[in-house]
Amino acid sequence: MKKFYLITFLFTSLIIHSQDCKYKRNEVDEFTKHKVLETKSEWLAENIAYTLIKINDAKFLSIELGSFKVFAISDGAKLMFLPDKGDPIVLLFPKYEISKTTPGAVASQYVTQSINISDEIYQRFLDEKITKVRFYTTDGYIDKPVKEKRANKFRQQLKCIE
């Protein structure tokens, strides 16, 4: 009888703690033998989508930023996440890029860049709920509020690349 309760407890624990991970890629690269996990794209805020990537032990945030007008991101420009408490989480764009046009899209201009996230930043993303995103362009900055539902989804998705 004890075994029955133990098995039932373990099975219930697995169900409760299971993650809703939808991967675009979950594979071992045939050339490099690197383990690659890439989540499907999700919305973080209006005109801001993200994908989370893990290659072996390195974690990346691939972020797509949209706008209605042409914009450019400078090398080293800031991408800031405002948590519900504490200091902003700051990432830096790795390269200069001018937005590209997407015909017929809601935000007709977009930039996509992948940014390496350290273990410290990863942990902050897990521990703190994001309320707003700011990204700096060559013309200034753009702020976007993050809905609670999307902030929670972001935190859930982070667990998919642990």
N, C-alpha and C. Protein backbone atom coordinates (compact mmCIF):
# COMPACT_ATOMS: atom_id res chain seq x y z
N MET A 1 0.82 -1.18 0.00
CA MET A 1 0.00 0.00 0.00
C MET A 1 0.87 1.26 0.00
N LYS A 2 1.97 1.24 0.73
CA LYS A 2 2.88 2.38 0.76
C LYS A 2 3.43 2.67 -0.63
N LYS A 3 3.73 1.60 -1.38
CA LYS A 3 4.25 1.78 -2.74
C LYS A 3 3.20 2.46 -3.63
N PHE A 4 1.96 2.08 -3.45
CA PHE A 4 0.88 2.67 -4.24
C PHE A 4 0.80 4.18 -3.98
N TYR A 5 0.85 4.59 -2.70
CA TYR A 5 0.79 6.00 -2.36
C TYR A 5 2.02 6.74 -2.87
N LEU A 6 3.17 6.12 -2.78
CA LEU A 6 4.40 6.74 -3.26
C LEU A 6 4.33 6.96 -4.77
N ILE A 7 3.90 5.97 -5.51
CA ILE A 7 3.78 6.08 -6.97
C ILE A 7 2.75 7.15 -7.34
N THR A 8 1.61 7.14 -6.64
CA THR A 8 0.56 8.14 -6.89
C THR A 8 1.09 9.54 -6.61
N PHE A 9 1.81 9.71 -5.51
CA PHE A 9 2.39 11.01 -5.16
C PHE A 9 3.37 11.47 -6.23
N LEU A 10 4.26 10.60 -6.66
CA LEU A 10 5.25 10.96 -7.68
C LEU A 10 4.58 11.32 -9.00
N PHE A 11 3.59 10.54 -9.40
CA PHE A 11 2.88 10.81 -10.65
C PHE A 11 2.15 12.16 -10.57
N THR A 12 1.50 12.44 -9.47
CA THR A 12 0.80 13.71 -9.28
C THR A 12 1.78 14.87 -9.29
N SER A 13 2.92 14.71 -8.67
CA SER A 13 3.95 15.75 -8.66
C SER A 13 4.43 16.06 -10.06
N LEU A 14 4.61 15.03 -10.86
CA LEU A 14 5.04 15.24 -12.24
C LEU A 14 4.00 16.01 -13.04
N ILE A 15 2.76 15.70 -12.87
CA ILE A 15 1.70 16.39 -13.59
C ILE A 15 1.63 17.86 -13.17
N ILE A 16 1.69 18.11 -11.88
CA ILE A 16 1.60 19.47 -11.36
C ILE A 16 2.77 20.32 -11.83
N HIS A 17 3.97 19.75 -11.86
CA HIS A 17 5.16 20.51 -12.20
C HIS A 17 5.53 20.43 -13.68
N SER A 18 4.72 19.80 -14.49
CA SER A 18 5.05 19.71 -15.91
C SER A 18 4.97 21.08 -16.54
N GLN A 19 5.76 21.30 -17.57
CA GLN A 19 5.83 22.59 -18.22
C GLN A 19 5.17 22.50 -19.58
N ASP A 20 4.63 23.63 -20.00
CA ASP A 20 4.02 23.71 -21.31
C ASP A 20 5.07 24.23 -22.28
N CYS A 21 6.03 23.41 -22.63
CA CYS A 21 7.13 23.81 -23.50
C CYS A 21 6.82 23.40 -24.93
N LYS A 22 6.72 24.41 -25.76
CA LYS A 22 6.52 24.17 -27.19
C LYS A 22 7.78 24.63 -27.89
N TYR A 23 8.50 23.65 -28.43
CA TYR A 23 9.78 23.95 -29.04
C TYR A 23 9.67 24.08 -30.56
N LYS A 24 10.39 25.05 -31.07
CA LYS A 24 10.58 25.15 -32.51
C LYS A 24 11.67 24.16 -32.91
N ARG A 25 12.68 24.06 -32.04
CA ARG A 25 13.76 23.09 -32.23
C ARG A 25 14.11 22.46 -30.89
N ASN A 26 14.34 21.16 -30.91
CA ASN A 26 14.82 20.41 -29.76
C ASN A 26 15.63 19.28 -30.36
N GLU A 27 16.92 19.56 -30.57
CA GLU A 27 17.74 18.63 -31.35
C GLU A 27 19.21 18.73 -30.98
N VAL A 28 19.95 17.76 -31.46
CA VAL A 28 21.40 17.80 -31.38
C VAL A 28 21.89 18.06 -32.80
N ASP A 29 22.65 19.15 -32.96
CA ASP A 29 23.16 19.52 -34.28
C ASP A 29 24.08 18.42 -34.80
N GLU A 30 23.83 17.97 -36.00
CA GLU A 30 24.60 16.84 -36.53
C GLU A 30 26.06 17.18 -36.83
N PHE A 31 26.37 18.46 -37.04
CA PHE A 31 27.75 18.83 -37.32
C PHE A 31 28.53 19.13 -36.04
N THR A 32 27.94 19.97 -35.17
CA THR A 32 28.66 20.41 -33.98
C THR A 32 28.41 19.55 -32.76
N LYS A 33 27.35 18.73 -32.80
CA LYS A 33 26.93 17.89 -31.67
C LYS A 33 26.45 18.73 -30.48
N HIS A 34 26.08 19.99 -30.74
CA HIS A 34 25.56 20.85 -29.69
C HIS A 34 24.07 20.57 -29.50
N LYS A 35 23.64 20.53 -28.26
CA LYS A 35 22.23 20.38 -27.93
C LYS A 35 21.57 21.74 -28.09
N VAL A 36 20.53 21.82 -28.93
CA VAL A 36 19.85 23.08 -29.22
C VAL A 36 18.38 22.99 -28.82
N LEU A 37 17.97 23.90 -27.94
CA LEU A 37 16.56 24.06 -27.57
C LEU A 37 16.15 25.46 -28.01
N GLU A 38 15.04 25.55 -28.72
CA GLU A 38 14.52 26.85 -29.14
C GLU A 38 13.00 26.82 -28.98
N THR A 39 12.49 27.73 -28.15
CA THR A 39 11.05 27.78 -27.94
C THR A 39 10.36 28.45 -29.14
N LYS A 40 9.08 28.22 -29.24
CA LYS A 40 8.31 28.92 -30.27
C LYS A 40 8.17 30.37 -29.85
N SER A 41 8.00 31.23 -30.83
CA SER A 41 7.88 32.67 -30.59
C SER A 41 6.62 32.99 -29.78
N GLU A 42 6.77 33.92 -28.84
CA GLU A 42 5.66 34.38 -28.00
C GLU A 42 5.70 35.90 -27.94
N TRP A 43 4.57 36.51 -27.64
CA TRP A 43 4.49 37.97 -27.46
C TRP A 43 4.81 38.33 -26.03
N LEU A 44 5.65 39.34 -25.85
CA LEU A 44 5.93 39.88 -24.52
C LEU A 44 5.13 41.16 -24.30
N ALA A 45 5.06 41.98 -25.33
CA ALA A 45 4.31 43.24 -25.28
C ALA A 45 3.88 43.55 -26.70
N GLU A 46 3.13 44.63 -26.86
CA GLU A 46 2.70 45.05 -28.19
C GLU A 46 3.94 45.27 -29.08
N ASN A 47 3.99 44.57 -30.19
CA ASN A 47 5.07 44.66 -31.17
C ASN A 47 6.43 44.19 -30.64
N ILE A 48 6.43 43.39 -29.57
CA ILE A 48 7.67 42.81 -29.05
C ILE A 48 7.44 41.31 -28.84
N ALA A 49 8.15 40.51 -29.64
CA ALA A 49 8.06 39.06 -29.53
C ALA A 49 9.43 38.52 -29.11
N TYR A 50 9.43 37.32 -28.56
CA TYR A 50 10.69 36.72 -28.13
C TYR A 50 10.69 35.22 -28.40
N THR A 51 11.90 34.70 -28.50
CA THR A 51 12.16 33.27 -28.55
C THR A 51 13.31 33.03 -27.58
N LEU A 52 13.24 31.95 -26.83
CA LEU A 52 14.32 31.58 -25.92
C LEU A 52 15.11 30.44 -26.53
N ILE A 53 16.43 30.55 -26.45
CA ILE A 53 17.31 29.57 -27.08
C ILE A 53 18.36 29.12 -26.06
N LYS A 54 18.65 27.83 -26.09
CA LYS A 54 19.74 27.29 -25.28
C LYS A 54 20.59 26.41 -26.19
N ILE A 55 21.87 26.72 -26.23
CA ILE A 55 22.83 25.91 -27.00
C ILE A 55 23.84 25.40 -25.99
N ASN A 56 23.78 24.10 -25.73
CA ASN A 56 24.53 23.48 -24.63
C ASN A 56 24.15 24.20 -23.34
N ASP A 57 25.08 24.94 -22.72
CA ASP A 57 24.77 25.63 -21.47
C ASP A 57 24.53 27.13 -21.66
N ALA A 58 24.71 27.65 -22.86
CA ALA A 58 24.53 29.08 -23.12
C ALA A 58 23.07 29.39 -23.43
N LYS A 59 22.55 30.45 -22.80
CA LYS A 59 21.16 30.85 -22.99
C LYS A 59 21.10 32.17 -23.75
N PHE A 60 20.11 32.28 -24.63
CA PHE A 60 19.94 33.48 -25.44
C PHE A 60 18.48 33.91 -25.45
N LEU A 61 18.29 35.21 -25.53
CA LEU A 61 16.98 35.80 -25.73
C LEU A 61 17.00 36.40 -27.13
N SER A 62 16.20 35.83 -28.01
CA SER A 62 16.05 36.39 -29.35
C SER A 62 14.82 37.27 -29.30
N ILE A 63 15.02 38.55 -29.55
CA ILE A 63 13.93 39.51 -29.39
C ILE A 63 13.64 40.19 -30.72
N GLU A 64 12.36 40.28 -31.04
CA GLU A 64 11.93 40.97 -32.26
C GLU A 64 11.16 42.21 -31.84
N LEU A 65 11.66 43.36 -32.26
CA LEU A 65 11.08 44.64 -31.90
C LEU A 65 10.42 45.25 -33.13
N GLY A 66 9.22 45.73 -32.98
CA GLY A 66 8.50 46.31 -34.11
C GLY A 66 8.10 47.74 -33.87
N SER A 67 7.90 48.46 -34.98
CA SER A 67 7.47 49.84 -34.92
C SER A 67 6.74 50.17 -36.22
N PHE A 68 6.02 51.29 -36.20
CA PHE A 68 5.31 51.71 -37.41
C PHE A 68 6.20 52.53 -38.33
N LYS A 69 7.36 52.96 -37.82
CA LYS A 69 8.27 53.75 -38.65
C LYS A 69 9.67 53.13 -38.64
N VAL A 70 10.45 53.50 -39.61
CA VAL A 70 11.82 52.99 -39.73
C VAL A 70 12.62 53.40 -38.49
N PHE A 71 13.40 52.47 -37.96
CA PHE A 71 14.25 52.77 -36.81
C PHE A 71 15.53 51.95 -36.91
N ALA A 72 16.51 52.32 -36.11
CA ALA A 72 17.79 51.59 -36.07
C ALA A 72 18.19 51.37 -34.62
N ILE A 73 18.86 50.26 -34.40
CA ILE A 73 19.40 49.91 -33.08
C ILE A 73 20.92 50.02 -33.19
N SER A 74 21.52 50.75 -32.27
CA SER A 74 22.97 50.90 -32.26
C SER A 74 23.64 49.72 -31.58
N ASP A 75 24.88 49.47 -31.94
CA ASP A 75 25.71 48.48 -31.26
C ASP A 75 25.85 48.92 -29.81
N GLY A 76 25.46 48.08 -28.86
CA GLY A 76 25.56 48.41 -27.45
C GLY A 76 24.37 49.18 -26.90
N ALA A 77 23.33 49.40 -27.71
CA ALA A 77 22.13 50.08 -27.22
C ALA A 77 21.46 49.21 -26.15
N LYS A 78 20.75 49.86 -25.26
CA LYS A 78 20.13 49.15 -24.14
C LYS A 78 18.75 48.58 -24.49
N LEU A 79 18.50 47.40 -23.94
CA LEU A 79 17.19 46.77 -23.90
C LEU A 79 16.92 46.58 -22.41
N MET A 80 15.91 47.29 -21.89
CA MET A 80 15.67 47.29 -20.45
C MET A 80 14.32 46.67 -20.11
N PHE A 81 14.31 45.89 -19.05
CA PHE A 81 13.11 45.25 -18.55
C PHE A 81 12.88 45.78 -17.14
N LEU A 82 11.70 46.35 -16.90
CA LEU A 82 11.38 46.89 -15.58
C LEU A 82 10.58 45.84 -14.81
N PRO A 83 11.16 45.31 -13.73
CA PRO A 83 10.42 44.33 -12.91
C PRO A 83 9.48 45.05 -11.95
N ASP A 84 8.56 44.28 -11.36
CA ASP A 84 7.60 44.86 -10.42
C ASP A 84 8.29 45.38 -9.15
N LYS A 85 9.49 44.90 -8.88
CA LYS A 85 10.27 45.42 -7.76
C LYS A 85 11.75 45.34 -8.13
N GLY A 86 12.54 46.24 -7.60
CA GLY A 86 13.97 46.21 -7.86
C GLY A 86 14.39 47.03 -9.06
N ASP A 87 15.67 46.94 -9.35
CA ASP A 87 16.28 47.70 -10.43
C ASP A 87 15.97 47.08 -11.79
N PRO A 88 16.03 47.89 -12.86
CA PRO A 88 15.81 47.35 -14.21
C PRO A 88 16.84 46.28 -14.57
N ILE A 89 16.41 45.35 -15.40
CA ILE A 89 17.31 44.34 -15.96
C ILE A 89 17.76 44.89 -17.30
N VAL A 90 19.06 45.04 -17.48
CA VAL A 90 19.59 45.70 -18.67
C VAL A 90 20.40 44.71 -19.51
N LEU A 91 20.04 44.62 -20.78
CA LEU A 91 20.79 43.85 -21.76
C LEU A 91 21.27 44.81 -22.83
N LEU A 92 22.33 44.44 -23.55
CA LEU A 92 22.87 45.28 -24.61
C LEU A 92 22.76 44.58 -25.96
N PHE A 93 22.30 45.35 -26.96
CA PHE A 93 22.21 44.78 -28.30
C PHE A 93 23.62 44.57 -28.84
N PRO A 94 23.88 43.41 -29.43
CA PRO A 94 25.24 43.08 -29.87
C PRO A 94 25.69 43.75 -31.17
N LYS A 95 24.75 44.29 -31.97
CA LYS A 95 25.18 44.86 -33.26
C LYS A 95 24.22 45.95 -33.72
N TYR A 96 24.73 46.78 -34.62
CA TYR A 96 23.94 47.83 -35.24
C TYR A 96 23.03 47.19 -36.29
N GLU A 97 21.78 47.64 -36.32
CA GLU A 97 20.87 47.10 -37.32
C GLU A 97 19.77 48.10 -37.63
N ILE A 98 19.44 48.22 -38.91
CA ILE A 98 18.33 49.05 -39.37
C ILE A 98 17.13 48.15 -39.56
N SER A 99 15.97 48.65 -39.20
CA SER A 99 14.75 47.83 -39.30
C SER A 99 14.46 47.42 -40.73
N LYS A 100 13.81 46.28 -40.85
CA LYS A 100 13.40 45.74 -42.14
C LYS A 100 11.89 45.91 -42.27
N THR A 101 11.42 45.91 -43.50
CA THR A 101 9.99 46.09 -43.75
C THR A 101 9.29 44.75 -43.88
N THR A 102 8.11 44.66 -43.26
CA THR A 102 7.24 43.50 -43.41
C THR A 102 5.93 44.00 -44.01
N PRO A 103 5.70 43.73 -45.28
CA PRO A 103 4.46 44.21 -45.90
C PRO A 103 3.23 43.58 -45.24
N GLY A 104 2.23 44.42 -44.97
CA GLY A 104 0.96 43.93 -44.45
C GLY A 104 0.95 43.59 -42.98
N ALA A 105 2.04 43.78 -42.25
CA ALA A 105 2.08 43.43 -40.83
C ALA A 105 1.57 44.60 -40.00
N VAL A 106 1.19 44.32 -38.75
CA VAL A 106 0.71 45.36 -37.85
C VAL A 106 1.80 46.40 -37.63
N ALA A 107 2.97 45.95 -37.24
CA ALA A 107 4.13 46.84 -37.13
C ALA A 107 4.97 46.58 -38.37
N SER A 108 5.02 47.52 -39.27
CA SER A 108 5.62 47.26 -40.57
C SER A 108 7.15 47.24 -40.56
N GLN A 109 7.78 47.70 -39.49
CA GLN A 109 9.23 47.71 -39.38
C GLN A 109 9.65 46.84 -38.19
N TYR A 110 10.70 46.04 -38.36
CA TYR A 110 11.13 45.20 -37.25
C TYR A 110 12.63 44.94 -37.28
N VAL A 111 13.17 44.62 -36.12
CA VAL A 111 14.56 44.22 -35.93
C VAL A 111 14.54 42.98 -35.05
N THR A 112 15.34 41.98 -35.39
CA THR A 112 15.47 40.80 -34.55
C THR A 112 16.94 40.60 -34.20
N GLN A 113 17.22 40.48 -32.90
CA GLN A 113 18.59 40.22 -32.45
C GLN A 113 18.56 39.20 -31.32
N SER A 114 19.63 38.41 -31.26
CA SER A 114 19.80 37.44 -30.17
C SER A 114 20.83 37.96 -29.20
N ILE A 115 20.48 37.92 -27.92
CA ILE A 115 21.35 38.45 -26.87
C ILE A 115 21.63 37.35 -25.86
N ASN A 116 22.90 37.14 -25.57
CA ASN A 116 23.31 36.15 -24.57
C ASN A 116 22.85 36.62 -23.20
N ILE A 117 22.24 35.72 -22.43
CA ILE A 117 21.83 36.08 -21.07
C ILE A 117 22.62 35.25 -20.06
N SER A 118 23.21 35.96 -19.13
CA SER A 118 24.02 35.31 -18.09
C SER A 118 23.12 34.55 -17.14
N ASP A 119 23.73 33.70 -16.32
CA ASP A 119 22.98 32.96 -15.31
C ASP A 119 22.31 33.91 -14.32
N GLU A 120 22.98 35.02 -13.99
CA GLU A 120 22.42 36.01 -13.06
C GLU A 120 21.17 36.67 -13.65
N ILE A 121 21.24 37.07 -14.91
CA ILE A 121 20.09 37.69 -15.57
C ILE A 121 18.96 36.67 -15.72
N TYR A 122 19.31 35.45 -16.10
CA TYR A 122 18.32 34.38 -16.23
C TYR A 122 17.57 34.20 -14.91
N GLN A 123 18.29 34.18 -13.81
CA GLN A 123 17.66 34.00 -12.50
C GLN A 123 16.76 35.17 -12.15
N ARG A 124 17.20 36.39 -12.49
CA ARG A 124 16.36 37.56 -12.23
C ARG A 124 15.06 37.48 -13.04
N PHE A 125 15.16 37.05 -14.30
CA PHE A 125 13.96 36.89 -15.13
C PHE A 125 13.00 35.88 -14.49
N LEU A 126 13.55 34.82 -13.92
CA LEU A 126 12.71 33.81 -13.26
C LEU A 126 12.05 34.36 -11.99
N ASP A 127 12.81 35.14 -11.22
CA ASP A 127 12.37 35.59 -9.91
C ASP A 127 11.49 36.84 -9.93
N GLU A 128 11.64 37.67 -10.97
CA GLU A 128 10.98 38.97 -10.98
C GLU A 128 10.00 39.06 -12.15
N LYS A 129 8.86 39.62 -11.91
CA LYS A 129 7.83 39.77 -12.95
C LYS A 129 8.06 41.07 -13.72
N ILE A 130 8.17 40.97 -15.03
CA ILE A 130 8.41 42.13 -15.88
C ILE A 130 7.11 42.91 -16.08
N THR A 131 7.18 44.24 -15.92
CA THR A 131 6.00 45.08 -16.10
C THR A 131 6.09 46.01 -17.31
N LYS A 132 7.33 46.26 -17.77
CA LYS A 132 7.52 47.19 -18.88
C LYS A 132 8.84 46.88 -19.58
N VAL A 133 8.88 47.14 -20.89
CA VAL A 133 10.10 46.96 -21.68
C VAL A 133 10.43 48.30 -22.33
N ARG A 134 11.71 48.63 -22.35
CA ARG A 134 12.18 49.83 -23.06
C ARG A 134 13.34 49.41 -23.95
N PHE A 135 13.29 49.85 -25.21
CA PHE A 135 14.44 49.64 -26.07
C PHE A 135 14.85 50.96 -26.70
N TYR A 136 16.16 51.14 -26.76
CA TYR A 136 16.72 52.39 -27.27
C TYR A 136 17.01 52.25 -28.76
N THR A 137 16.60 53.26 -29.50
CA THR A 137 16.89 53.34 -30.93
C THR A 137 17.83 54.53 -31.14
N THR A 138 18.24 54.74 -32.36
CA THR A 138 19.11 55.89 -32.65
C THR A 138 18.35 57.20 -32.48
N ASP A 139 17.01 57.15 -32.45
CA ASP A 139 16.18 58.36 -32.31
C ASP A 139 15.66 58.58 -30.89
N GLY A 140 15.98 57.70 -29.97
CA GLY A 140 15.45 57.81 -28.61
C GLY A 140 15.12 56.44 -28.07
N TYR A 141 14.00 56.33 -27.39
CA TYR A 141 13.60 55.02 -26.86
C TYR A 141 12.11 54.82 -27.01
N ILE A 142 11.71 53.55 -26.92
CA ILE A 142 10.31 53.17 -27.01
C ILE A 142 9.99 52.32 -25.79
N ASP A 143 8.94 52.69 -25.06
CA ASP A 143 8.47 51.95 -23.90
C ASP A 143 7.21 51.18 -24.27
N LYS A 144 7.11 49.95 -23.77
CA LYS A 144 5.91 49.14 -23.98
C LYS A 144 5.55 48.46 -22.67
N PRO A 145 4.29 48.59 -22.22
CA PRO A 145 3.86 47.88 -21.01
C PRO A 145 3.72 46.38 -21.30
N VAL A 146 3.94 45.57 -20.28
CA VAL A 146 3.82 44.12 -20.39
C VAL A 146 2.63 43.68 -19.53
N LYS A 147 1.68 43.02 -20.16
CA LYS A 147 0.52 42.52 -19.42
C LYS A 147 0.96 41.37 -18.51
N GLU A 148 0.26 41.24 -17.39
CA GLU A 148 0.61 40.22 -16.40
C GLU A 148 0.60 38.81 -17.00
N LYS A 149 -0.38 38.53 -17.83
CA LYS A 149 -0.48 37.21 -18.46
C LYS A 149 0.76 36.91 -19.31
N ARG A 150 1.24 37.90 -20.05
CA ARG A 150 2.43 37.70 -20.89
C ARG A 150 3.69 37.61 -20.05
N ALA A 151 3.75 38.37 -18.96
CA ALA A 151 4.90 38.29 -18.06
C ALA A 151 4.98 36.90 -17.43
N ASN A 152 3.84 36.36 -17.03
CA ASN A 152 3.82 35.01 -16.46
C ASN A 152 4.22 33.97 -17.49
N LYS A 153 3.76 34.12 -18.72
CA LYS A 153 4.11 33.19 -19.80
C LYS A 153 5.62 33.22 -20.05
N PHE A 154 6.21 34.42 -20.03
CA PHE A 154 7.65 34.58 -20.21
C PHE A 154 8.41 33.80 -19.14
N ARG A 155 7.98 33.93 -17.90
CA ARG A 155 8.64 33.21 -16.81
C ARG A 155 8.49 31.70 -16.96
N GLN A 156 7.33 31.25 -17.43
CA GLN A 156 7.12 29.81 -17.66
C GLN A 156 8.04 29.32 -18.78
N GLN A 157 8.14 30.10 -19.84
CA GLN A 157 8.97 29.70 -20.98
C GLN A 157 10.45 29.63 -20.62
N LEU A 158 10.88 30.46 -19.70
CA LEU A 158 12.28 30.42 -19.26
C LEU A 158 12.65 29.05 -18.70
N LYS A 159 11.71 28.42 -18.04
CA LYS A 159 11.97 27.09 -17.47
C LYS A 159 12.19 26.03 -18.55
N CYS A 160 11.75 26.32 -19.75
CA CYS A 160 11.92 25.37 -20.87
C CYS A 160 13.37 25.28 -21.35
N ILE A 161 14.21 26.26 -20.93
CA ILE A 161 15.62 26.22 -21.36
C ILE A 161 16.56 26.07 -20.16
N GLU A 162 16.04 25.57 -19.03
CA GLU A 162 16.88 25.36 -17.84
C GLU A 162 18.00 24.39 -18.14
